Amino acid sequence: MPIDPEELLPRKKTPEIVLGEDLSAKSEHELSARIAALEEEIARCREAIKARQATRSAADAFFKR
């Protein structure tokens, strides 16, 4: 029996949070956990933005823009 090449690829993890998802079936606890996870992701994005800005500032200083 031949092997399907797709079976060899790593499986993508389904996201825990889907934007626009129906929230009516979620409990208060689930919604609080969702908010906490989203806030952590926002903080991670803000840190990434700061890192990009620092890189750009260093490049601008080096090339005297």
Protein backbone atom coordinates (compact mmCIF):
# COMPACT_ATOMS: atom_id res chain seq x y z
CA MET A 1 0.00 0.00 0.00
CA PRO A 2 1.56 3.35 -1.04
CA ILE A 3 2.14 6.09 1.51
CA ASP A 4 0.22 9.32 1.07
CA PRO A 5 2.78 12.19 1.07
CA GLU A 6 0.38 14.32 3.12
CA GLU A 7 0.61 11.79 5.96
CA LEU A 8 4.32 12.56 6.27
CA LEU A 9 3.78 16.31 6.75
CA PRO A 10 3.46 17.62 10.30
CA ARG A 11 -0.13 18.28 11.25
CA LYS A 12 -1.02 21.87 11.95
CA LYS A 13 -2.44 22.51 15.40
CA THR A 14 -5.92 23.95 15.28
CA PRO A 15 -6.03 27.40 16.88
CA GLU A 16 -7.55 27.64 20.33
CA ILE A 17 -9.06 31.00 19.51
CA VAL A 18 -10.89 31.66 16.29
CA LEU A 19 -11.66 35.31 15.63
CA GLY A 20 -15.33 35.96 14.96
CA GLU A 21 -16.34 32.69 16.59
CA ASP A 22 -19.84 32.45 18.13
CA LEU A 23 -19.42 33.14 21.84
CA SER A 24 -22.97 32.38 22.94
CA ALA A 25 -22.13 28.78 23.93
CA LYS A 26 -19.06 29.76 26.00
CA SER A 27 -19.15 29.88 29.79
CA GLU A 28 -17.95 32.83 31.85
CA HIS A 29 -14.80 30.87 32.72
CA GLU A 30 -14.11 30.08 29.05
CA LEU A 31 -14.60 33.71 28.07
CA SER A 32 -12.24 34.89 30.83
CA ALA A 33 -9.61 32.39 29.67
CA ARG A 34 -10.10 33.59 26.09
CA ILE A 35 -9.58 37.22 27.12
CA ALA A 36 -6.41 36.28 29.04
CA ALA A 37 -5.02 34.41 26.04
CA LEU A 38 -5.81 37.33 23.73
CA GLU A 39 -4.16 39.81 26.12
CA GLU A 40 -1.02 37.63 26.18
CA GLU A 41 -0.98 37.60 22.38
CA ILE A 42 -1.43 41.38 22.26
CA ALA A 43 1.53 41.81 24.63
CA ARG A 44 3.61 39.46 22.47
CA CYS A 45 2.72 41.48 19.36
CA ARG A 46 3.62 44.75 21.10
CA GLU A 47 7.03 43.35 22.05
CA ALA A 48 7.59 42.28 18.45
CA ILE A 49 6.69 45.78 17.26
CA LYS A 50 9.18 47.30 19.73
CA ALA A 51 11.89 44.94 18.46
CA ARG A 52 11.15 45.93 14.84
CA GLN A 53 11.24 49.61 15.74
CA ALA A 54 14.59 49.18 17.51
CA THR A 55 15.99 47.42 14.46
CA ARG A 56 14.74 50.17 12.18
CA SER A 57 16.16 52.87 14.47
CA ALA A 58 19.55 51.15 14.48
CA ALA A 59 19.50 50.87 10.68
CA ASP A 60 18.44 54.50 10.30
CA ALA A 61 21.27 55.60 12.61
CA PHE A 62 23.77 53.47 10.72
CA PHE A 63 22.72 54.73 7.31
CA LYS A 64 22.07 58.28 8.65
CA ARG A 65 18.59 58.66 7.24
